[in-house]
Amino acid sequence: EIKVPVVERTELFARSIGEATDIVEKEMYTFRD
């Protein structure tokens, strides 16, 4: 088992999921600290 944080840097998902996907374009909860 591994436990990873609930919050990650946005670039992680933009690079992995793909910037043209619906998830990155419309569905992510993104904010600035």
ModelCIF file with pLDDT and N, C-alpha, C, O atoms, coordinates in Angstrom:
data_MODEL
#
_entry.id   MODEL 
#
_entity.id                         1 
_entity.type                       polymer 
_entity.pdbx_number_of_molecules   1 
#
_entity_poly.entity_id                      1 
_entity_poly.type                           'polypeptide(L)' 
_entity_poly.nstd_linkage                   no 
_entity_poly.nstd_monomer                   no 
_entity_poly.pdbx_seq_one_letter_code       EIKVPVVERTELFARSIGEATDIVEKEMYTFRD 
_entity_poly.pdbx_seq_one_letter_code_can   EIKVPVVERTELFARSIGEATDIVEKEMYTFRD 
_entity_poly.pdbx_strand_id                 A 
#
loop_
_entity_poly_seq.entity_id 
_entity_poly_seq.num 
_entity_poly_seq.mon_id 
_entity_poly_seq.hetero 
1 1  GLU n 
1 2  ILE n 
1 3  LYS n 
1 4  VAL n 
1 5  PRO n 
1 6  VAL n 
1 7  VAL n 
1 8  GLU n 
1 9  ARG n 
1 10 THR n 
1 11 GLU n 
1 12 LEU n 
1 13 PHE n 
1 14 ALA n 
1 15 ARG n 
1 16 SER n 
1 17 ILE n 
1 18 GLY n 
1 19 GLU n 
1 20 ALA n 
1 21 THR n 
1 22 ASP n 
1 23 ILE n 
1 24 VAL n 
1 25 GLU n 
1 26 LYS n 
1 27 GLU n 
1 28 MET n 
1 29 TYR n 
1 30 THR n 
1 31 PHE n 
1 32 ARG n 
1 33 ASP n 
#
_struct_asym.id          A 
_struct_asym.entity_id   1 
#
loop_
_ma_qa_metric.id 
_ma_qa_metric.mode 
_ma_qa_metric.name 
_ma_qa_metric.software_group_id 
_ma_qa_metric.type 
1 global pLDDT . pLDDT 
2 local  pLDDT . pLDDT 
#
_ma_qa_metric_global.metric_id      1 
_ma_qa_metric_global.metric_value   82.55 
_ma_qa_metric_global.model_id       1 
_ma_qa_metric_global.ordinal_id     1 
#
loop_
_ma_qa_metric_local.label_asym_id 
_ma_qa_metric_local.label_comp_id 
_ma_qa_metric_local.label_seq_id 
_ma_qa_metric_local.metric_id 
_ma_qa_metric_local.metric_value 
_ma_qa_metric_local.model_id 
_ma_qa_metric_local.ordinal_id 
A GLU 1  2 98.00 1 1  
A ILE 2  2 98.00 1 2  
A LYS 3  2 97.00 1 3  
A VAL 4  2 97.00 1 4  
A PRO 5  2 97.00 1 5  
A VAL 6  2 96.00 1 6  
A VAL 7  2 96.00 1 7  
A GLU 8  2 95.00 1 8  
A ARG 9  2 94.00 1 9  
A THR 10 2 92.00 1 10 
A GLU 11 2 92.00 1 11 
A LEU 12 2 92.00 1 12 
A PHE 13 2 89.00 1 13 
A ALA 14 2 85.00 1 14 
A ARG 15 2 83.00 1 15 
A SER 16 2 77.00 1 16 
A ILE 17 2 69.00 1 17 
A GLY 18 2 63.00 1 18 
A GLU 19 2 57.00 1 19 
A ALA 20 2 53.00 1 20 
A THR 21 2 57.00 1 21 
A ASP 22 2 59.00 1 22 
A ILE 23 2 61.00 1 23 
A VAL 24 2 62.00 1 24 
A GLU 25 2 62.00 1 25 
A LYS 26 2 68.00 1 26 
A GLU 27 2 84.00 1 27 
A MET 28 2 89.00 1 28 
A TYR 29 2 91.00 1 29 
A THR 30 2 92.00 1 30 
A PHE 31 2 92.00 1 31 
A ARG 32 2 94.00 1 32 
A ASP 33 2 93.00 1 33 
#
loop_
_atom_site.group_PDB 
_atom_site.id 
_atom_site.type_symbol 
_atom_site.label_atom_id 
_atom_site.label_alt_id 
_atom_site.label_comp_id 
_atom_site.label_asym_id 
_atom_site.label_entity_id 
_atom_site.label_seq_id 
_atom_site.pdbx_PDB_ins_code 
_atom_site.Cartn_x 
_atom_site.Cartn_y 
_atom_site.Cartn_z 
_atom_site.occupancy 
_atom_site.B_iso_or_equiv 
_atom_site.pdbx_formal_charge 
_atom_site.auth_seq_id 
_atom_site.auth_comp_id 
_atom_site.auth_asym_id 
_atom_site.auth_atom_id 
_atom_site.pdbx_PDB_model_num 
ATOM 1   N N  . GLU A 1 1  ? 0.823   -1.208 0.000   1.00 98.00 ? 1  GLU A N  1 
ATOM 2   C CA . GLU A 1 1  ? 0.000   0.000  0.000   1.00 98.00 ? 1  GLU A CA 1 
ATOM 3   C C  . GLU A 1 1  ? 0.856   1.256  0.000   1.00 98.00 ? 1  GLU A C  1 
ATOM 4   O O  . GLU A 1 1  ? 1.901   1.313  0.647   1.00 98.00 ? 1  GLU A O  1 
ATOM 5   N N  . ILE A 1 2  ? 0.393   2.269  -0.741  1.00 98.00 ? 2  ILE A N  1 
ATOM 6   C CA . ILE A 1 2  ? 1.011   3.587  -0.752  1.00 98.00 ? 2  ILE A CA 1 
ATOM 7   C C  . ILE A 1 2  ? -0.077  4.623  -0.515  1.00 98.00 ? 2  ILE A C  1 
ATOM 8   O O  . ILE A 1 2  ? -1.210  4.455  -0.966  1.00 98.00 ? 2  ILE A O  1 
ATOM 9   N N  . LYS A 1 3  ? 0.267   5.697  0.192   1.00 97.00 ? 3  LYS A N  1 
ATOM 10  C CA . LYS A 1 3  ? -0.668  6.806  0.406   1.00 97.00 ? 3  LYS A CA 1 
ATOM 11  C C  . LYS A 1 3  ? -0.016  8.068  -0.152  1.00 97.00 ? 3  LYS A C  1 
ATOM 12  O O  . LYS A 1 3  ? 1.097   8.425  0.232   1.00 97.00 ? 3  LYS A O  1 
ATOM 13  N N  . VAL A 1 4  ? -0.712  8.727  -1.050  1.00 97.00 ? 4  VAL A N  1 
ATOM 14  C CA . VAL A 1 4  ? -0.187  9.932  -1.688  1.00 97.00 ? 4  VAL A CA 1 
ATOM 15  C C  . VAL A 1 4  ? -1.082  11.116 -1.334  1.00 97.00 ? 4  VAL A C  1 
ATOM 16  O O  . VAL A 1 4  ? -2.239  10.924 -0.961  1.00 97.00 ? 4  VAL A O  1 
ATOM 17  N N  . PRO A 1 5  ? -0.552  12.360 -1.449  1.00 97.00 ? 5  PRO A N  1 
ATOM 18  C CA . PRO A 1 5  ? -1.324  13.540 -1.048  1.00 97.00 ? 5  PRO A CA 1 
ATOM 19  C C  . PRO A 1 5  ? -2.576  13.745 -1.895  1.00 97.00 ? 5  PRO A C  1 
ATOM 20  O O  . PRO A 1 5  ? -2.660  13.294 -3.037  1.00 97.00 ? 5  PRO A O  1 
ATOM 21  N N  . VAL A 1 6  ? -3.535  14.434 -1.306  1.00 96.00 ? 6  VAL A N  1 
ATOM 22  C CA . VAL A 1 6  ? -4.750  14.813 -2.028  1.00 96.00 ? 6  VAL A CA 1 
ATOM 23  C C  . VAL A 1 6  ? -4.454  15.967 -2.984  1.00 96.00 ? 6  VAL A C  1 
ATOM 24  O O  . VAL A 1 6  ? -5.115  16.093 -4.015  1.00 96.00 ? 6  VAL A O  1 
ATOM 25  N N  . VAL A 1 7  ? -3.477  16.808 -2.662  1.00 96.00 ? 7  VAL A N  1 
ATOM 26  C CA . VAL A 1 7  ? -3.143  17.982 -3.463  1.00 96.00 ? 7  VAL A CA 1 
ATOM 27  C C  . VAL A 1 7  ? -1.795  17.760 -4.149  1.00 96.00 ? 7  VAL A C  1 
ATOM 28  O O  . VAL A 1 7  ? -0.833  17.326 -3.516  1.00 96.00 ? 7  VAL A O  1 
ATOM 29  N N  . GLU A 1 8  ? -1.734  18.059 -5.435  1.00 95.00 ? 8  GLU A N  1 
ATOM 30  C CA . GLU A 1 8  ? -0.490  17.962 -6.196  1.00 95.00 ? 8  GLU A CA 1 
ATOM 31  C C  . GLU A 1 8  ? -0.314  19.234 -7.027  1.00 95.00 ? 8  GLU A C  1 
ATOM 32  O O  . GLU A 1 8  ? -1.256  20.012 -7.180  1.00 95.00 ? 8  GLU A O  1 
ATOM 33  N N  . ARG A 1 9  ? 0.874   19.443 -7.554  1.00 94.00 ? 9  ARG A N  1 
ATOM 34  C CA . ARG A 1 9  ? 1.100   20.552 -8.469  1.00 94.00 ? 9  ARG A CA 1 
ATOM 35  C C  . ARG A 1 9  ? 0.280   20.328 -9.738  1.00 94.00 ? 9  ARG A C  1 
ATOM 36  O O  . ARG A 1 9  ? 0.200   19.210 -10.246 1.00 94.00 ? 9  ARG A O  1 
ATOM 37  N N  . THR A 1 10 ? -0.320  21.388 -10.237 1.00 92.00 ? 10 THR A N  1 
ATOM 38  C CA . THR A 1 10 ? -1.196  21.284 -11.405 1.00 92.00 ? 10 THR A CA 1 
ATOM 39  C C  . THR A 1 10 ? -0.469  20.694 -12.601 1.00 92.00 ? 10 THR A C  1 
ATOM 40  O O  . THR A 1 10 ? -1.055  19.929 -13.367 1.00 92.00 ? 10 THR A O  1 
ATOM 41  N N  . GLU A 1 11 ? 0.807   21.043 -12.769 1.00 92.00 ? 11 GLU A N  1 
ATOM 42  C CA . GLU A 1 11 ? 1.556   20.573 -13.936 1.00 92.00 ? 11 GLU A CA 1 
ATOM 43  C C  . GLU A 1 11 ? 1.625   19.054 -13.999 1.00 92.00 ? 11 GLU A C  1 
ATOM 44  O O  . GLU A 1 11 ? 1.746   18.492 -15.088 1.00 92.00 ? 11 GLU A O  1 
ATOM 45  N N  . LEU A 1 12 ? 1.551   18.375 -12.851 1.00 92.00 ? 12 LEU A N  1 
ATOM 46  C CA . LEU A 1 12 ? 1.585   16.914 -12.850 1.00 92.00 ? 12 LEU A CA 1 
ATOM 47  C C  . LEU A 1 12 ? 0.450   16.360 -13.702 1.00 92.00 ? 12 LEU A C  1 
ATOM 48  O O  . LEU A 1 12 ? 0.666   15.452 -14.505 1.00 92.00 ? 12 LEU A O  1 
ATOM 49  N N  . PHE A 1 13 ? -0.747  16.894 -13.537 1.00 89.00 ? 13 PHE A N  1 
ATOM 50  C CA . PHE A 1 13 ? -1.898  16.368 -14.268 1.00 89.00 ? 13 PHE A CA 1 
ATOM 51  C C  . PHE A 1 13 ? -1.951  16.902 -15.694 1.00 89.00 ? 13 PHE A C  1 
ATOM 52  O O  . PHE A 1 13 ? -2.401  16.199 -16.599 1.00 89.00 ? 13 PHE A O  1 
ATOM 53  N N  . ALA A 1 14 ? -1.497  18.138 -15.910 1.00 85.00 ? 14 ALA A N  1 
ATOM 54  C CA . ALA A 1 14 ? -1.461  18.672 -17.279 1.00 85.00 ? 14 ALA A CA 1 
ATOM 55  C C  . ALA A 1 14 ? -0.516  17.845 -18.133 1.00 85.00 ? 14 ALA A C  1 
ATOM 56  O O  . ALA A 1 14 ? -0.805  17.593 -19.303 1.00 85.00 ? 14 ALA A O  1 
ATOM 57  N N  . ARG A 1 15 ? 0.618   17.417 -17.566 1.00 83.00 ? 15 ARG A N  1 
ATOM 58  C CA . ARG A 1 15 ? 1.595   16.637 -18.322 1.00 83.00 ? 15 ARG A CA 1 
ATOM 59  C C  . ARG A 1 15 ? 1.181   15.187 -18.478 1.00 83.00 ? 15 ARG A C  1 
ATOM 60  O O  . ARG A 1 15 ? 1.449   14.580 -19.515 1.00 83.00 ? 15 ARG A O  1 
ATOM 61  N N  . SER A 1 16 ? 0.530   14.616 -17.466 1.00 77.00 ? 16 SER A N  1 
ATOM 62  C CA . SER A 1 16 ? 0.221   13.183 -17.503 1.00 77.00 ? 16 SER A CA 1 
ATOM 63  C C  . SER A 1 16 ? -1.114  12.892 -18.180 1.00 77.00 ? 16 SER A C  1 
ATOM 64  O O  . SER A 1 16 ? -1.187  12.043 -19.068 1.00 77.00 ? 16 SER A O  1 
ATOM 65  N N  . ILE A 1 17 ? -2.159  13.586 -17.769 1.00 69.00 ? 17 ILE A N  1 
ATOM 66  C CA . ILE A 1 17 ? -3.488  13.314 -18.308 1.00 69.00 ? 17 ILE A CA 1 
ATOM 67  C C  . ILE A 1 17 ? -3.617  13.842 -19.727 1.00 69.00 ? 17 ILE A C  1 
ATOM 68  O O  . ILE A 1 17 ? -4.249  13.212 -20.574 1.00 69.00 ? 17 ILE A O  1 
ATOM 69  N N  . GLY A 1 18 ? -3.021  14.997 -19.984 1.00 63.00 ? 18 GLY A N  1 
ATOM 70  C CA . GLY A 1 18 ? -3.109  15.600 -21.313 1.00 63.00 ? 18 GLY A CA 1 
ATOM 71  C C  . GLY A 1 18 ? -3.880  16.899 -21.264 1.00 63.00 ? 18 GLY A C  1 
ATOM 72  O O  . GLY A 1 18 ? -5.015  16.927 -20.788 1.00 63.00 ? 18 GLY A O  1 
ATOM 73  N N  . GLU A 1 19 ? -3.282  17.984 -21.753 1.00 57.00 ? 19 GLU A N  1 
ATOM 74  C CA . GLU A 1 19 ? -3.911  19.298 -21.665 1.00 57.00 ? 19 GLU A CA 1 
ATOM 75  C C  . GLU A 1 19 ? -5.191  19.387 -22.489 1.00 57.00 ? 19 GLU A C  1 
ATOM 76  O O  . GLU A 1 19 ? -6.034  20.243 -22.220 1.00 57.00 ? 19 GLU A O  1 
ATOM 77  N N  . ALA A 1 20 ? -5.354  18.513 -23.495 1.00 53.00 ? 20 ALA A N  1 
ATOM 78  C CA . ALA A 1 20 ? -6.543  18.573 -24.350 1.00 53.00 ? 20 ALA A CA 1 
ATOM 79  C C  . ALA A 1 20 ? -7.687  17.715 -23.828 1.00 53.00 ? 20 ALA A C  1 
ATOM 80  O O  . ALA A 1 20 ? -8.738  17.647 -24.465 1.00 53.00 ? 20 ALA A O  1 
ATOM 81  N N  . THR A 1 21 ? -7.510  17.062 -22.692 1.00 57.00 ? 21 THR A N  1 
ATOM 82  C CA . THR A 1 21 ? -8.583  16.221 -22.159 1.00 57.00 ? 21 THR A CA 1 
ATOM 83  C C  . THR A 1 21 ? -9.613  17.071 -21.430 1.00 57.00 ? 21 THR A C  1 
ATOM 84  O O  . THR A 1 21 ? -9.313  18.174 -20.976 1.00 57.00 ? 21 THR A O  1 
ATOM 85  N N  . ASP A 1 22 ? -10.837 16.544 -21.323 1.00 59.00 ? 22 ASP A N  1 
ATOM 86  C CA . ASP A 1 22 ? -11.885 17.254 -20.599 1.00 59.00 ? 22 ASP A CA 1 
ATOM 87  C C  . ASP A 1 22 ? -11.504 17.456 -19.140 1.00 59.00 ? 22 ASP A C  1 
ATOM 88  O O  . ASP A 1 22 ? -11.847 18.475 -18.541 1.00 59.00 ? 22 ASP A O  1 
ATOM 89  N N  . ILE A 1 23 ? -10.790 16.482 -18.562 1.00 61.00 ? 23 ILE A N  1 
ATOM 90  C CA . ILE A 1 23 ? -10.429 16.579 -17.151 1.00 61.00 ? 23 ILE A CA 1 
ATOM 91  C C  . ILE A 1 23 ? -9.605  17.836 -16.902 1.00 61.00 ? 23 ILE A C  1 
ATOM 92  O O  . ILE A 1 23 ? -9.915  18.620 -16.005 1.00 61.00 ? 23 ILE A O  1 
ATOM 93  N N  . VAL A 1 24 ? -8.562  18.026 -17.695 1.00 62.00 ? 24 VAL A N  1 
ATOM 94  C CA . VAL A 1 24 ? -7.680  19.179 -17.498 1.00 62.00 ? 24 VAL A CA 1 
ATOM 95  C C  . VAL A 1 24 ? -8.369  20.466 -17.937 1.00 62.00 ? 24 VAL A C  1 
ATOM 96  O O  . VAL A 1 24 ? -8.234  21.491 -17.270 1.00 62.00 ? 24 VAL A O  1 
ATOM 97  N N  . GLU A 1 25 ? -9.103  20.431 -19.043 1.00 62.00 ? 25 GLU A N  1 
ATOM 98  C CA . GLU A 1 25 ? -9.716  21.649 -19.565 1.00 62.00 ? 25 GLU A CA 1 
ATOM 99  C C  . GLU A 1 25 ? -10.878 22.148 -18.721 1.00 62.00 ? 25 GLU A C  1 
ATOM 100 O O  . GLU A 1 25 ? -11.036 23.357 -18.550 1.00 62.00 ? 25 GLU A O  1 
ATOM 101 N N  . LYS A 1 26 ? -11.707 21.226 -18.182 1.00 68.00 ? 26 LYS A N  1 
ATOM 102 C CA . LYS A 1 26 ? -12.970 21.655 -17.589 1.00 68.00 ? 26 LYS A CA 1 
ATOM 103 C C  . LYS A 1 26 ? -13.260 21.112 -16.194 1.00 68.00 ? 26 LYS A C  1 
ATOM 104 O O  . LYS A 1 26 ? -14.132 21.653 -15.514 1.00 68.00 ? 26 LYS A O  1 
ATOM 105 N N  . GLU A 1 27 ? -12.566 20.064 -15.735 1.00 84.00 ? 27 GLU A N  1 
ATOM 106 C CA . GLU A 1 27 ? -13.046 19.347 -14.563 1.00 84.00 ? 27 GLU A CA 1 
ATOM 107 C C  . GLU A 1 27 ? -12.156 19.435 -13.332 1.00 84.00 ? 27 GLU A C  1 
ATOM 108 O O  . GLU A 1 27 ? -12.575 18.988 -12.264 1.00 84.00 ? 27 GLU A O  1 
ATOM 109 N N  . MET A 1 28 ? -10.958 19.984 -13.423 1.00 89.00 ? 28 MET A N  1 
ATOM 110 C CA . MET A 1 28 ? -10.062 19.965 -12.273 1.00 89.00 ? 28 MET A CA 1 
ATOM 111 C C  . MET A 1 28 ? -10.382 21.103 -11.301 1.00 89.00 ? 28 MET A C  1 
ATOM 112 O O  . MET A 1 28 ? -10.738 22.209 -11.707 1.00 89.00 ? 28 MET A O  1 
ATOM 113 N N  . TYR A 1 29 ? -10.245 20.804 -10.018 1.00 91.00 ? 29 TYR A N  1 
ATOM 114 C CA . TYR A 1 29 ? -10.322 21.817 -8.972  1.00 91.00 ? 29 TYR A CA 1 
ATOM 115 C C  . TYR A 1 29 ? -8.919  22.379 -8.763  1.00 91.00 ? 29 TYR A C  1 
ATOM 116 O O  . TYR A 1 29 ? -8.094  21.771 -8.081  1.00 91.00 ? 29 TYR A O  1 
ATOM 117 N N  . THR A 1 30 ? -8.658  23.533 -9.351  1.00 92.00 ? 30 THR A N  1 
ATOM 118 C CA . THR A 1 30 ? -7.325  24.127 -9.343  1.00 92.00 ? 30 THR A CA 1 
ATOM 119 C C  . THR A 1 30 ? -7.367  25.486 -8.650  1.00 92.00 ? 30 THR A C  1 
ATOM 120 O O  . THR A 1 30 ? -8.312  26.255 -8.829  1.00 92.00 ? 30 THR A O  1 
ATOM 121 N N  . PHE A 1 31 ? -6.349  25.770 -7.867  1.00 92.00 ? 31 PHE A N  1 
ATOM 122 C CA . PHE A 1 31 ? -6.287  27.044 -7.141  1.00 92.00 ? 31 PHE A CA 1 
ATOM 123 C C  . PHE A 1 31 ? -4.820  27.420 -6.936  1.00 92.00 ? 31 PHE A C  1 
ATOM 124 O O  . PHE A 1 31 ? -3.924  26.601 -7.143  1.00 92.00 ? 31 PHE A O  1 
ATOM 125 N N  . ARG A 1 32 ? -4.587  28.659 -6.529  1.00 94.00 ? 32 ARG A N  1 
ATOM 126 C CA . ARG A 1 32 ? -3.229  29.109 -6.225  1.00 94.00 ? 32 ARG A CA 1 
ATOM 127 C C  . ARG A 1 32 ? -3.081  29.277 -4.722  1.00 94.00 ? 32 ARG A C  1 
ATOM 128 O O  . ARG A 1 32 ? -3.965  29.811 -4.052  1.00 94.00 ? 32 ARG A O  1 
ATOM 129 N N  . ASP A 1 33 ? -1.939  28.809 -4.198  1.00 93.00 ? 33 ASP A N  1 
ATOM 130 C CA . ASP A 1 33 ? -1.696  28.973 -2.774  1.00 93.00 ? 33 ASP A CA 1 
ATOM 131 C C  . ASP A 1 33 ? -1.101  30.354 -2.507  1.00 93.00 ? 33 ASP A C  1 
ATOM 132 O O  . ASP A 1 33 ? -0.820  30.694 -1.358  1.00 93.00 ? 33 ASP A O  1 
#
